[in-house]
C-alpha cells in the first residue's frame, strides 16, 4: 500500500470532523481543527478539547 492510500484510509471521519470543529469553537481554539487529520490525531484532539471544556465547566 502506498503512503497516499494509507493516508486516505486513515483520514478522520465526517463525524469526527464535525465534533472536532464544534469543540474547537466551544473551547475558543479554532486552530485545533484541521481538514486533513488522521483518525488517531482527531481522537487525540477531541479528547484534549473535551477535557479542557470539562475543566472550564467545573469552575
N, C-alpha and C. Protein backbone atom coordinates (compact mmCIF):
# COMPACT_ATOMS: atom_id res chain seq x y z
N UNK A 1 0.85 -1.18 0.00
CA UNK A 1 0.00 0.00 0.00
C UNK A 1 0.90 1.25 0.00
N UNK A 2 0.55 2.20 -0.81
CA UNK A 2 1.35 3.42 -0.88
C UNK A 2 1.01 4.35 0.28
N UNK A 3 1.84 5.34 0.48
CA UNK A 3 1.61 6.33 1.55
C UNK A 3 0.29 7.07 1.33
N UNK A 4 -0.01 7.39 0.09
CA UNK A 4 -1.25 8.11 -0.21
C UNK A 4 -2.46 7.24 0.13
N UNK A 5 -2.41 5.99 -0.22
CA UNK A 5 -3.53 5.09 0.10
C UNK A 5 -3.70 4.95 1.60
N UNK A 6 -2.60 4.84 2.32
CA UNK A 6 -2.68 4.71 3.78
C UNK A 6 -3.26 5.98 4.40
N UNK A 7 -2.82 7.13 3.90
CA UNK A 7 -3.32 8.41 4.41
C UNK A 7 -4.82 8.55 4.17
N UNK A 8 -5.27 8.19 2.98
CA UNK A 8 -6.69 8.28 2.68
C UNK A 8 -7.50 7.32 3.54
N UNK A 9 -6.97 6.16 3.75
CA UNK A 9 -7.69 5.15 4.53
C UNK A 9 -7.87 5.55 5.97
N UNK A 10 -6.93 6.31 6.48
CA UNK A 10 -6.98 6.64 7.90
C UNK A 10 -7.41 8.08 8.17
N UNK A 11 -7.93 8.79 7.16
CA UNK A 11 -8.39 10.16 7.41
C UNK A 11 -9.54 10.14 8.40
N UNK A 12 -9.66 11.23 9.15
CA UNK A 12 -10.74 11.31 10.13
C UNK A 12 -12.10 11.19 9.42
N UNK A 13 -13.04 10.69 10.17
CA UNK A 13 -14.38 10.51 9.62
C UNK A 13 -15.13 11.84 9.59
N UNK A 14 -16.21 11.86 8.88
CA UNK A 14 -17.05 13.07 8.82
C UNK A 14 -17.58 13.41 10.21
N UNK A 15 -17.96 12.38 10.98
CA UNK A 15 -18.46 12.61 12.34
C UNK A 15 -17.37 13.21 13.22
N UNK A 16 -16.15 12.70 13.10
CA UNK A 16 -15.04 13.26 13.87
C UNK A 16 -14.80 14.71 13.49
N UNK A 17 -14.84 15.00 12.20
CA UNK A 17 -14.61 16.37 11.73
C UNK A 17 -15.64 17.33 12.32
N UNK A 18 -16.90 16.91 12.30
CA UNK A 18 -17.96 17.77 12.85
C UNK A 18 -17.79 18.01 14.34
N UNK A 19 -17.48 16.94 15.06
CA UNK A 19 -17.30 17.06 16.51
C UNK A 19 -16.08 17.92 16.84
N UNK A 20 -14.99 17.70 16.14
CA UNK A 20 -13.78 18.47 16.39
C UNK A 20 -14.00 19.95 16.07
N UNK A 21 -14.70 20.24 15.01
CA UNK A 21 -14.98 21.63 14.64
C UNK A 21 -15.82 22.31 15.73
N UNK A 22 -16.85 21.60 16.21
CA UNK A 22 -17.73 22.15 17.25
C UNK A 22 -16.95 22.38 18.55
N UNK A 23 -16.17 21.39 18.95
CA UNK A 23 -15.41 21.52 20.20
C UNK A 23 -14.34 22.61 20.11
N UNK A 24 -13.70 22.73 18.97
CA UNK A 24 -12.66 23.75 18.84
C UNK A 24 -13.26 25.15 18.93
N UNK A 25 -14.46 25.32 18.42
CA UNK A 25 -15.13 26.62 18.56
C UNK A 25 -15.54 26.85 20.01
N UNK A 26 -16.08 25.82 20.63
CA UNK A 26 -16.55 25.94 22.02
C UNK A 26 -15.40 26.28 22.96
N UNK A 27 -14.23 25.73 22.67
CA UNK A 27 -13.05 25.96 23.52
C UNK A 27 -12.25 27.19 23.08
N UNK A 28 -12.78 27.94 22.11
CA UNK A 28 -12.09 29.12 21.58
C UNK A 28 -10.68 28.78 21.08
N UNK A 29 -10.57 27.60 20.42
CA UNK A 29 -9.30 27.17 19.85
C UNK A 29 -9.51 26.69 18.42
N UNK A 30 -9.88 27.59 17.52
CA UNK A 30 -10.20 27.15 16.16
C UNK A 30 -9.03 26.50 15.43
N UNK A 31 -7.82 26.75 15.86
CA UNK A 31 -6.65 26.14 15.20
C UNK A 31 -6.55 24.64 15.46
N UNK A 32 -7.29 24.13 16.45
CA UNK A 32 -7.29 22.69 16.72
C UNK A 32 -7.98 21.90 15.61
N UNK A 33 -8.82 22.59 14.83
CA UNK A 33 -9.48 21.92 13.72
C UNK A 33 -8.66 22.11 12.44
N UNK A 34 -8.35 21.00 11.82
CA UNK A 34 -7.68 20.99 10.52
C UNK A 34 -8.39 19.96 9.66
N UNK A 35 -8.47 20.23 8.38
CA UNK A 35 -9.22 19.37 7.46
C UNK A 35 -8.60 17.99 7.26
N UNK A 36 -7.28 17.89 7.24
CA UNK A 36 -6.62 16.66 6.81
C UNK A 36 -5.97 15.88 7.94
N UNK A 37 -6.68 15.71 9.03
CA UNK A 37 -6.14 14.95 10.16
C UNK A 37 -6.42 13.46 9.98
N UNK A 38 -5.60 12.65 10.61
CA UNK A 38 -5.88 11.22 10.65
C UNK A 38 -6.92 10.96 11.74
N UNK A 39 -7.48 9.78 11.71
CA UNK A 39 -8.45 9.41 12.75
C UNK A 39 -7.81 9.46 14.12
N UNK A 40 -6.57 8.99 14.23
CA UNK A 40 -5.89 8.97 15.53
C UNK A 40 -5.66 10.39 16.05
N UNK A 41 -5.21 11.29 15.18
CA UNK A 41 -4.97 12.67 15.61
C UNK A 41 -6.27 13.36 15.97
N UNK A 42 -7.32 13.09 15.23
CA UNK A 42 -8.63 13.68 15.54
C UNK A 42 -9.11 13.19 16.91
N UNK A 43 -8.95 11.91 17.19
CA UNK A 43 -9.35 11.37 18.50
C UNK A 43 -8.57 12.03 19.63
N UNK A 44 -7.27 12.23 19.42
CA UNK A 44 -6.43 12.86 20.44
C UNK A 44 -6.89 14.29 20.70
N UNK A 45 -7.14 15.03 19.63
CA UNK A 45 -7.55 16.43 19.80
C UNK A 45 -8.95 16.52 20.41
N UNK A 46 -9.84 15.64 20.02
CA UNK A 46 -11.19 15.63 20.59
C UNK A 46 -11.11 15.37 22.09
N UNK A 47 -10.32 14.38 22.49
CA UNK A 47 -10.17 14.07 23.90
C UNK A 47 -9.60 15.23 24.70
N UNK A 48 -8.59 15.89 24.13
CA UNK A 48 -7.96 17.02 24.82
C UNK A 48 -8.95 18.18 24.97
N UNK A 49 -9.69 18.46 23.92
CA UNK A 49 -10.66 19.56 23.98
C UNK A 49 -11.80 19.24 24.95
N UNK A 50 -12.27 18.00 24.95
CA UNK A 50 -13.33 17.62 25.89
C UNK A 50 -12.85 17.77 27.33
N UNK A 51 -11.61 17.38 27.59
CA UNK A 51 -11.06 17.52 28.94
C UNK A 51 -10.93 18.99 29.32
N UNK A 52 -10.48 19.81 28.41
CA UNK A 52 -10.34 21.23 28.68
C UNK A 52 -11.69 21.90 28.95
N UNK A 53 -12.69 21.54 28.16
CA UNK A 53 -14.03 22.10 28.34
C UNK A 53 -14.63 21.64 29.67
N UNK A 54 -14.43 20.38 30.01
CA UNK A 54 -14.93 19.86 31.29
C UNK A 54 -14.27 20.58 32.46
N UNK A 55 -12.98 20.85 32.34
CA UNK A 55 -12.27 21.57 33.40
C UNK A 55 -12.82 22.99 33.53
N UNK A 56 -13.02 23.65 32.42
CA UNK A 56 -13.55 25.03 32.44
C UNK A 56 -14.96 25.06 33.02
N UNK A 57 -15.75 24.04 32.71
CA UNK A 57 -17.13 23.98 33.23
C UNK A 57 -17.18 23.68 34.73
N UNK A 58 -16.09 23.18 35.28
CA UNK A 58 -16.09 22.82 36.70
C UNK A 58 -15.91 24.02 37.62
N UNK A 59 -15.59 25.18 37.06
CA UNK A 59 -15.37 26.37 37.89
C UNK A 59 -16.66 27.10 38.12
